[in-house]
Amino acid sequence: MSLHEHVDSLRAKHARLEQQIDEEQHRPLPDNTILVKLKREKLRLKEAIERLQDDNDMETDRPSLTVN
C-alpha cells in the first residue's frame, strides 16, 4: 500500500467516525461514553494523517543526493 493509499484509507475511517458521531449525537439519548470513544479515535486518526503528510512533505523538501 502506498503512502497515498494509506492516507486515503485513514481519511475514509475518519469520515465514517464523523458519521457515527453525528448519528450518536442525534439519538434521543446519546451515550456520552460512546461519543468520547469515537471522538478520541477520530482525533487519533487526524493526528496520524497529519503526521504522515508532514513526514512526506519533509522527504519531498529534502534535497536529493546525486551520484556522479
C-alpha atoms as a PDB file:
ATOM      1  CA  MET A   1       0.000   0.000   0.000  1.00  0.00           C
ATOM      2  CA  SER A   2       1.423   3.351  -0.997  1.00  0.00           C
ATOM      3  CA  LEU A   3       1.527   6.321   1.341  1.00  0.00           C
ATOM      4  CA  HIS A   4      -1.243   7.993  -0.647  1.00  0.00           C
ATOM      5  CA  GLU A   5      -3.472   4.910  -0.375  1.00  0.00           C
ATOM      6  CA  HIS A   6      -2.763   4.656   3.351  1.00  0.00           C
ATOM      7  CA  VAL A   7      -3.706   8.306   3.927  1.00  0.00           C
ATOM      8  CA  ASP A   8      -6.864   7.836   1.834  1.00  0.00           C
ATOM      9  CA  SER A   9      -7.772   4.806   3.950  1.00  0.00           C
ATOM     10  CA  LEU A  10      -7.297   6.790   7.164  1.00  0.00           C
ATOM     11  CA  ARG A  11      -9.404   9.639   5.764  1.00  0.00           C
ATOM     12  CA  ALA A  12     -12.209   7.196   4.942  1.00  0.00           C
ATOM     13  CA  LYS A  13     -12.120   5.831   8.503  1.00  0.00           C
ATOM     14  CA  HIS A  14     -12.120   9.416   9.811  1.00  0.00           C
ATOM     15  CA  ALA A  15     -15.210  10.215   7.720  1.00  0.00           C
ATOM     16  CA  ARG A  16     -17.007   7.075   8.969  1.00  0.00           C
ATOM     17  CA  LEU A  17     -16.272   8.067  12.558  1.00  0.00           C
ATOM     18  CA  GLU A  18     -17.614  11.553  11.888  1.00  0.00           C
ATOM     19  CA  GLN A  19     -20.839   9.964  10.592  1.00  0.00           C
ATOM     20  CA  GLN A  20     -21.084   7.690  13.653  1.00  0.00           C
ATOM     21  CA  ILE A  21     -20.574  10.673  15.958  1.00  0.00           C
ATOM     22  CA  ASP A  22     -23.305  12.606  14.161  1.00  0.00           C
ATOM     23  CA  GLU A  23     -25.689   9.658  14.390  1.00  0.00           C
ATOM     24  CA  GLU A  24     -24.989   9.178  18.103  1.00  0.00           C
ATOM     25  CA  GLN A  25     -25.469  12.887  18.825  1.00  0.00           C
ATOM     26  CA  HIS A  26     -28.876  12.857  17.155  1.00  0.00           C
ATOM     27  CA  ARG A  27     -30.231   9.863  19.062  1.00  0.00           C
ATOM     28  CA  PRO A  28     -32.898  10.625  21.666  1.00  0.00           C
ATOM     29  CA  LEU A  29     -30.457   9.753  24.478  1.00  0.00           C
ATOM     30  CA  PRO A  30     -26.878   9.981  23.180  1.00  0.00           C
ATOM     31  CA  ASP A  31     -24.358   7.851  25.045  1.00  0.00           C
ATOM     32  CA  ASN A  32     -21.549  10.168  26.167  1.00  0.00           C
ATOM     33  CA  THR A  33     -19.189   7.250  26.741  1.00  0.00           C
ATOM     34  CA  ILE A  34     -19.560   6.184  23.121  1.00  0.00           C
ATOM     35  CA  LEU A  35     -19.195   9.784  21.921  1.00  0.00           C
ATOM     36  CA  VAL A  36     -15.946  10.252  23.841  1.00  0.00           C
ATOM     37  CA  LYS A  37     -14.564   6.988  22.457  1.00  0.00           C
ATOM     38  CA  LEU A  38     -15.494   7.905  18.879  1.00  0.00           C
ATOM     39  CA  LYS A  39     -14.110  11.434  19.190  1.00  0.00           C
ATOM     40  CA  ARG A  40     -10.813  10.190  20.623  1.00  0.00           C
ATOM     41  CA  GLU A  41     -10.436   7.713  17.782  1.00  0.00           C
ATOM     42  CA  LYS A  42     -11.294  10.423  15.247  1.00  0.00           C
ATOM     43  CA  LEU A  43      -8.629  12.698  16.743  1.00  0.00           C
ATOM     44  CA  ARG A  44      -6.087   9.858  16.732  1.00  0.00           C
ATOM     45  CA  LEU A  45      -6.739   9.308  13.019  1.00  0.00           C
ATOM     46  CA  LYS A  46      -6.495  13.036  12.279  1.00  0.00           C
ATOM     47  CA  GLU A  47      -3.128  13.208  14.026  1.00  0.00           C
ATOM     48  CA  ALA A  48      -1.897  10.120  12.156  1.00  0.00           C
ATOM     49  CA  ILE A  49      -2.928  11.652   8.819  1.00  0.00           C
ATOM     50  CA  GLU A  50      -1.177  14.920   9.652  1.00  0.00           C
ATOM     51  CA  ARG A  51       1.960  13.096  10.815  1.00  0.00           C
ATOM     52  CA  LEU A  52       2.137  11.067   7.592  1.00  0.00           C
ATOM     53  CA  GLN A  53       1.608  14.164   5.476  1.00  0.00           C
ATOM     54  CA  ASP A  54       4.263  16.111   7.418  1.00  0.00           C
ATOM     55  CA  ASP A  55       6.742  13.235   7.079  1.00  0.00           C
ATOM     56  CA  ASN A  56       6.045  13.060   3.361  1.00  0.00           C
ATOM     57  CA  ASP A  57       6.439  16.845   2.985  1.00  0.00           C
ATOM     58  CA  MET A  58       9.771  16.715   4.796  1.00  0.00           C
ATOM     59  CA  GLU A  59      11.012  13.982   2.463  1.00  0.00           C
ATOM     60  CA  THR A  60       9.988  15.859  -0.677  1.00  0.00           C
ATOM     61  CA  ASP A  61      11.519  19.117   0.605  1.00  0.00           C
ATOM     62  CA  ARG A  62      14.850  17.412   1.284  1.00  0.00           C
ATOM     63  CA  PRO A  63      17.386  17.960  -1.497  1.00  0.00           C
ATOM     64  CA  SER A  64      18.077  14.764  -3.358  1.00  0.00           C
ATOM     65  CA  LEU A  65      21.539  13.295  -3.432  1.00  0.00           C
ATOM     66  CA  THR A  66      23.006  12.769  -6.834  1.00  0.00           C
ATOM     67  CA  VAL A  67      25.854  10.427  -7.527  1.00  0.00           C
ATOM     68  CA  ASN A  68      28.286  11.420 -10.256  1.00  0.00           C
END
